[in-house]
Amino acid sequence: MRVTEPSVPQFSESVTLVPGGGRSNLWWFRSSTGENLAPHTKPDVAAAGVVRILIPYVTTILAAQSHRRLGAEADRPHPTPPPRSDPSHGAAIAELQRRFDGVVCWWGAHTYEWWAIVPGGTQWRIVNAEDPPGLARAIIQARSRR
């Protein structure tokens, strides 16, 4: 199952049901990172785990979006997204992730911007830019603030 926050549909968490093994034979809700969230008998605990995983990212993305809306570029028209993903996006993402070890990058199909999560101990940062070179600069700047 894919879990999203409606106000940030471009960012989600995948949850699967997997056998627990061992003597209990319980099935478990597991996050996309491999974390066992809760046994299948406790979906409320699994839901709380998904919220714990998503909340820092969702709030950061919403803050970045509201910051961007306040800027002069808010009135800039956005092109209609292509029906299929652009292959160059995958190449740019792979190059950025190769260049910046540990950074997760993606193209926001709904925001029309490039995004990255920059690890930094307990203070991870989410940065965005209009193009891959701008995202590279934002990643470098985020890393220098650690």
C-alpha atoms as a PDB file:
ATOM      1  CA  MET A   1       0.000   0.000   0.000  1.00  0.00           C
ATOM      2  CA  ARG A   2       1.193   3.528  -0.725  1.00  0.00           C
ATOM      3  CA  VAL A   3       0.557   6.158   1.954  1.00  0.00           C
ATOM      4  CA  THR A   4       0.536   9.841   1.004  1.00  0.00           C
ATOM      5  CA  GLU A   5      -0.383  13.161   2.536  1.00  0.00           C
ATOM      6  CA  PRO A   6      -2.912  14.737   0.114  1.00  0.00           C
ATOM      7  CA  SER A   7      -1.215  18.136   0.287  1.00  0.00           C
ATOM      8  CA  VAL A   8       2.135  16.536  -0.708  1.00  0.00           C
ATOM      9  CA  PRO A   9       1.187  13.743  -3.145  1.00  0.00           C
ATOM     10  CA  GLN A  10       4.671  13.611  -4.680  1.00  0.00           C
ATOM     11  CA  PHE A  11       6.129  12.164  -1.466  1.00  0.00           C
ATOM     12  CA  SER A  12       4.865   8.887  -0.037  1.00  0.00           C
ATOM     13  CA  GLU A  13       5.722   5.800   1.950  1.00  0.00           C
ATOM     14  CA  SER A  14       5.142   2.235   0.774  1.00  0.00           C
ATOM     15  CA  VAL A  15       3.948  -0.287   3.338  1.00  0.00           C
ATOM     16  CA  THR A  16       3.768  -4.013   2.706  1.00  0.00           C
ATOM     17  CA  LEU A  17       2.501  -6.958   4.694  1.00  0.00           C
ATOM     18  CA  VAL A  18       5.220  -9.583   5.209  1.00  0.00           C
ATOM     19  CA  PRO A  19       5.378 -12.878   7.100  1.00  0.00           C
ATOM     20  CA  GLY A  20       7.108 -12.503  10.437  1.00  0.00           C
ATOM     21  CA  GLY A  21       8.581 -15.967  10.528  1.00  0.00           C
ATOM     22  CA  GLY A  22       9.612 -17.634  13.732  1.00  0.00           C
ATOM     23  CA  ARG A  23       7.164 -19.301  16.073  1.00  0.00           C
ATOM     24  CA  SER A  24       4.509 -16.601  16.101  1.00  0.00           C
ATOM     25  CA  ASN A  25       3.665 -16.804  12.367  1.00  0.00           C
ATOM     26  CA  LEU A  26       2.403 -13.222  12.629  1.00  0.00           C
ATOM     27  CA  TRP A  27       2.351 -11.025   9.567  1.00  0.00           C
ATOM     28  CA  TRP A  28       3.951  -7.579   9.912  1.00  0.00           C
ATOM     29  CA  PHE A  29       3.432  -4.168   8.361  1.00  0.00           C
ATOM     30  CA  ARG A  30       6.841  -3.208   6.909  1.00  0.00           C
ATOM     31  CA  SER A  31       7.979   0.215   5.672  1.00  0.00           C
ATOM     32  CA  SER A  32       9.870   0.730   2.418  1.00  0.00           C
ATOM     33  CA  THR A  33      13.069   1.031   4.479  1.00  0.00           C
ATOM     34  CA  GLY A  34      12.577  -2.490   5.850  1.00  0.00           C
ATOM     35  CA  GLU A  35      11.425  -1.406   9.298  1.00  0.00           C
ATOM     36  CA  ASN A  36       8.816  -3.692  10.847  1.00  0.00           C
ATOM     37  CA  LEU A  37       6.183  -1.200  11.977  1.00  0.00           C
ATOM     38  CA  ALA A  38       3.729  -3.475  13.811  1.00  0.00           C
ATOM     39  CA  PRO A  39       2.116  -6.902  13.665  1.00  0.00           C
ATOM     40  CA  HIS A  40      -0.895  -7.188  11.351  1.00  0.00           C
ATOM     41  CA  THR A  41      -3.146  -7.224  14.418  1.00  0.00           C
ATOM     42  CA  LYS A  42      -2.148  -3.635  15.266  1.00  0.00           C
ATOM     43  CA  PRO A  43      -2.791  -1.442  12.209  1.00  0.00           C
ATOM     44  CA  ASP A  44      -3.097   1.642  14.439  1.00  0.00           C
ATOM     45  CA  VAL A  45       0.489   1.170  15.636  1.00  0.00           C
ATOM     46  CA  ALA A  46       1.640   0.711  12.023  1.00  0.00           C
ATOM     47  CA  ALA A  47      -0.190   3.910  11.025  1.00  0.00           C
ATOM     48  CA  ALA A  48       1.556   5.806  13.821  1.00  0.00           C
ATOM     49  CA  GLY A  49       4.873   4.470  12.507  1.00  0.00           C
ATOM     50  CA  VAL A  50       4.109   5.755   9.017  1.00  0.00           C
ATOM     51  CA  VAL A  51       3.227   9.174  10.464  1.00  0.00           C
ATOM     52  CA  ARG A  52       6.524   9.177  12.375  1.00  0.00           C
ATOM     53  CA  ILE A  53       8.398   8.413   9.151  1.00  0.00           C
ATOM     54  CA  LEU A  54       6.592  10.937   6.933  1.00  0.00           C
ATOM     55  CA  ILE A  55       5.990  13.930   9.220  1.00  0.00           C
ATOM     56  CA  PRO A  56       9.481  15.495   9.077  1.00  0.00           C
ATOM     57  CA  TYR A  57       9.572  15.291   5.284  1.00  0.00           C
ATOM     58  CA  VAL A  58       5.999  16.446   4.708  1.00  0.00           C
ATOM     59  CA  THR A  59       6.343  19.458   6.998  1.00  0.00           C
ATOM     60  CA  THR A  60       9.646  20.440   5.385  1.00  0.00           C
ATOM     61  CA  ILE A  61       8.207  20.151   1.871  1.00  0.00           C
ATOM     62  CA  LEU A  62       5.142  22.210   2.848  1.00  0.00           C
ATOM     63  CA  ALA A  63       7.379  24.863   4.377  1.00  0.00           C
ATOM     64  CA  ALA A  64       9.537  24.982   1.236  1.00  0.00           C
ATOM     65  CA  GLN A  65       6.459  25.227  -0.975  1.00  0.00           C
ATOM     66  CA  SER A  66       4.979  28.095   1.028  1.00  0.00           C
ATOM     67  CA  HIS A  67       8.373  29.858   0.998  1.00  0.00           C
ATOM     68  CA  ARG A  68       8.571  29.481  -2.784  1.00  0.00           C
ATOM     69  CA  ARG A  69       4.989  30.771  -3.216  1.00  0.00           C
ATOM     70  CA  LEU A  70       5.944  33.960  -1.424  1.00  0.00           C
ATOM     71  CA  GLY A  71       8.725  34.640  -3.919  1.00  0.00           C
ATOM     72  CA  ALA A  72       8.446  36.501  -7.187  1.00  0.00           C
ATOM     73  CA  GLU A  73       8.334  33.254  -9.147  1.00  0.00           C
ATOM     74  CA  ALA A  74       4.917  32.330  -7.776  1.00  0.00           C
ATOM     75  CA  ASP A  75       3.178  33.680 -10.879  1.00  0.00           C
ATOM     76  CA  ARG A  76       5.439  31.800 -13.282  1.00  0.00           C
ATOM     77  CA  PRO A  77       3.324  29.372 -15.392  1.00  0.00           C
ATOM     78  CA  HIS A  78       4.207  25.704 -15.100  1.00  0.00           C
ATOM     79  CA  PRO A  79       4.181  23.422 -18.116  1.00  0.00           C
ATOM     80  CA  THR A  80       1.854  20.459 -18.195  1.00  0.00           C
ATOM     81  CA  PRO A  81       3.760  17.382 -17.049  1.00  0.00           C
ATOM     82  CA  PRO A  82       4.540  14.843 -19.760  1.00  0.00           C
ATOM     83  CA  PRO A  83       2.363  11.705 -19.831  1.00  0.00           C
ATOM     84  CA  ARG A  84       5.459   9.586 -19.100  1.00  0.00           C
ATOM     85  CA  SER A  85       8.505  10.431 -17.051  1.00  0.00           C
ATOM     86  CA  ASP A  86      11.345  12.064 -18.941  1.00  0.00           C
ATOM     87  CA  PRO A  87      14.335   9.651 -19.269  1.00  0.00           C
ATOM     88  CA  SER A  88      16.727  12.554 -18.715  1.00  0.00           C
ATOM     89  CA  HIS A  89      15.313  12.931 -15.201  1.00  0.00           C
ATOM     90  CA  GLY A  90      16.570   9.461 -14.313  1.00  0.00           C
ATOM     91  CA  ALA A  91      20.015  10.214 -15.714  1.00  0.00           C
ATOM     92  CA  ALA A  92      20.220  13.522 -13.832  1.00  0.00           C
ATOM     93  CA  ILE A  93      19.078  11.878 -10.593  1.00  0.00           C
ATOM     94  CA  ALA A  94      21.625   9.079 -10.956  1.00  0.00           C
ATOM     95  CA  GLU A  95      24.411  11.605 -11.603  1.00  0.00           C
ATOM     96  CA  LEU A  96      23.464  13.755  -8.596  1.00  0.00           C
ATOM     97  CA  GLN A  97      23.264  10.729  -6.294  1.00  0.00           C
ATOM     98  CA  ARG A  98      26.611   9.449  -7.595  1.00  0.00           C
ATOM     99  CA  ARG A  99      28.171  12.857  -7.022  1.00  0.00           C
ATOM    100  CA  PHE A 100      26.688  13.366  -3.549  1.00  0.00           C
ATOM    101  CA  ASP A 101      26.968  10.140  -1.559  1.00  0.00           C
ATOM    102  CA  GLY A 102      24.002   9.491   0.733  1.00  0.00           C
ATOM    103  CA  VAL A 103      21.773  12.168  -0.841  1.00  0.00           C
ATOM    104  CA  VAL A 104      18.387  11.073  -2.215  1.00  0.00           C
ATOM    105  CA  CYS A 105      17.190  13.093  -5.229  1.00  0.00           C
ATOM    106  CA  TRP A 106      13.972  13.191  -7.256  1.00  0.00           C
ATOM    107  CA  TRP A 107      11.992  15.222  -9.777  1.00  0.00           C
ATOM    108  CA  GLY A 108       8.735  16.555  -8.320  1.00  0.00           C
ATOM    109  CA  ALA A 109       6.132  15.806 -10.986  1.00  0.00           C
ATOM    110  CA  HIS A 110       3.630  18.034  -9.193  1.00  0.00           C
ATOM    111  CA  THR A 111       5.982  20.838  -8.137  1.00  0.00           C
ATOM    112  CA  TYR A 112       8.008  20.847 -11.379  1.00  0.00           C
ATOM    113  CA  GLU A 113      11.191  21.161  -9.324  1.00  0.00           C
ATOM    114  CA  TRP A 114      14.190  19.044  -8.397  1.00  0.00           C
ATOM    115  CA  TRP A 115      14.370  17.863  -4.770  1.00  0.00           C
ATOM    116  CA  ALA A 116      16.959  16.245  -2.502  1.00  0.00           C
ATOM    117  CA  ILE A 117      17.173  14.980   1.064  1.00  0.00           C
ATOM    118  CA  VAL A 118      20.628  15.830   2.414  1.00  0.00           C
ATOM    119  CA  PRO A 119      21.664  13.720   5.420  1.00  0.00           C
ATOM    120  CA  GLY A 120      23.413  15.471   8.271  1.00  0.00           C
ATOM    121  CA  GLY A 121      23.301  13.562  11.543  1.00  0.00           C
ATOM    122  CA  THR A 122      20.009  14.347  13.240  1.00  0.00           C
ATOM    123  CA  GLN A 123      19.411  17.481  11.134  1.00  0.00           C
ATOM    124  CA  TRP A 124      18.584  16.256   7.630  1.00  0.00           C
ATOM    125  CA  ARG A 125      17.625  18.939   5.125  1.00  0.00           C
ATOM    126  CA  ILE A 126      15.266  18.910   2.161  1.00  0.00           C
ATOM    127  CA  VAL A 127      16.331  21.273  -0.610  1.00  0.00           C
ATOM    128  CA  ASN A 128      14.865  22.066  -4.003  1.00  0.00           C
ATOM    129  CA  ALA A 129      15.766  23.916  -7.192  1.00  0.00           C
ATOM    130  CA  GLU A 130      14.510  24.548 -10.704  1.00  0.00           C
ATOM    131  CA  ASP A 131      17.215  22.499 -12.435  1.00  0.00           C
ATOM    132  CA  PRO A 132      19.904  19.885 -11.627  1.00  0.00           C
ATOM    133  CA  PRO A 133      22.801  22.401 -11.450  1.00  0.00           C
ATOM    134  CA  GLY A 134      20.742  24.500  -9.013  1.00  0.00           C
ATOM    135  CA  LEU A 135      20.012  21.405  -6.944  1.00  0.00           C
ATOM    136  CA  ALA A 136      23.731  20.576  -6.851  1.00  0.00           C
ATOM    137  CA  ARG A 137      24.420  24.078  -5.501  1.00  0.00           C
ATOM    138  CA  ALA A 138      21.626  23.698  -2.911  1.00  0.00           C
ATOM    139  CA  ILE A 139      23.062  20.336  -1.784  1.00  0.00           C
ATOM    140  CA  ILE A 140      26.549  21.834  -1.413  1.00  0.00           C
ATOM    141  CA  GLN A 141      25.111  24.751   0.561  1.00  0.00           C
ATOM    142  CA  ALA A 142      23.081  22.418   2.813  1.00  0.00           C
ATOM    143  CA  ARG A 143      26.175  20.313   3.493  1.00  0.00           C
ATOM    144  CA  SER A 144      28.226  23.394   4.384  1.00  0.00           C
ATOM    145  CA  ARG A 145      25.662  24.390   7.039  1.00  0.00           C
ATOM    146  CA  ARG A 146      26.209  21.175   9.026  1.00  0.00           C
END
